[in-house]
Amino acid sequence: MKIVVITVSDRAARGEYADRSGPAIVEVLAATEPAATFETDLVPLLRHGIRMAAGESHG
């Protein structure tokens, strides 16, 4: 199973600080789904960015 974690943050997407929530979510999910593969994406808080990330994840 592939699980995609999309984090939405303007400042993290601009590189002002590292995203910590996405990796933390992956860590929790990996403990409950050890056979899964994980992908993370970080997008700014823009509707089209979120839609694009979600659309790419389905493909």
Protein backbone atom coordinates (compact mmCIF):
# COMPACT_ATOMS: atom_id res chain seq x y z
CA MET A 1 0.00 0.00 0.00
CA LYS A 2 1.24 3.49 -0.81
CA ILE A 3 0.37 6.30 1.59
CA VAL A 4 0.91 9.93 0.62
CA VAL A 5 1.20 12.56 3.35
CA ILE A 6 0.63 16.10 2.09
CA THR A 7 1.68 18.91 4.41
CA VAL A 8 0.27 22.37 3.72
CA SER A 9 2.37 25.31 4.91
CA ASP A 10 3.33 28.56 3.23
CA ARG A 11 6.44 29.17 5.32
CA ALA A 12 7.75 25.62 5.20
CA ALA A 13 7.15 25.51 1.44
CA ARG A 14 9.22 28.70 1.11
CA GLY A 15 12.02 27.08 3.11
CA GLU A 16 11.68 29.35 6.14
CA TYR A 17 11.72 26.29 8.37
CA ALA A 18 11.74 22.53 8.02
CA ASP A 19 8.47 20.64 7.90
CA ARG A 20 8.29 18.47 10.99
CA SER A 21 4.62 17.48 10.90
CA GLY A 22 4.78 15.45 7.67
CA PRO A 23 7.67 13.26 8.85
CA ALA A 24 6.00 12.88 12.28
CA ILE A 25 2.80 11.64 10.61
CA VAL A 26 4.80 9.18 8.51
CA GLU A 27 6.50 7.89 11.66
CA VAL A 28 3.16 7.22 13.37
CA LEU A 29 1.62 5.63 10.28
CA ALA A 30 4.69 3.46 9.64
CA ALA A 31 4.29 1.98 13.11
CA THR A 32 0.75 0.89 12.29
CA GLU A 33 1.31 0.03 8.61
CA PRO A 34 4.83 -1.44 8.42
CA ALA A 35 4.32 -2.88 4.93
CA ALA A 36 3.27 0.47 3.44
CA THR A 37 5.47 2.75 1.40
CA PHE A 38 5.29 6.45 2.10
CA GLU A 39 5.63 9.57 0.03
CA THR A 40 5.56 13.11 1.38
CA ASP A 41 4.76 16.37 -0.34
CA LEU A 42 4.93 19.92 0.97
CA VAL A 43 2.75 22.54 -0.68
CA PRO A 44 1.89 26.17 0.05
CA LEU A 45 -1.58 27.10 1.23
CA LEU A 46 -2.99 27.69 -2.23
CA ARG A 47 -5.98 25.79 -3.48
CA HIS A 48 -4.40 24.98 -6.83
CA GLY A 49 -1.23 23.73 -5.10
CA ILE A 50 -3.22 21.44 -2.87
CA ARG A 51 -5.32 20.20 -5.77
CA MET A 52 -2.22 19.53 -7.86
CA ALA A 53 -0.54 17.61 -5.04
CA ALA A 54 -3.67 15.56 -4.38
CA GLY A 55 -4.17 14.89 -8.09
CA GLU A 56 -0.57 13.76 -8.54
CA SER A 57 -0.93 11.42 -5.58
CA HIS A 58 -3.82 9.59 -7.19
CA GLY A 59 -1.87 8.85 -10.37
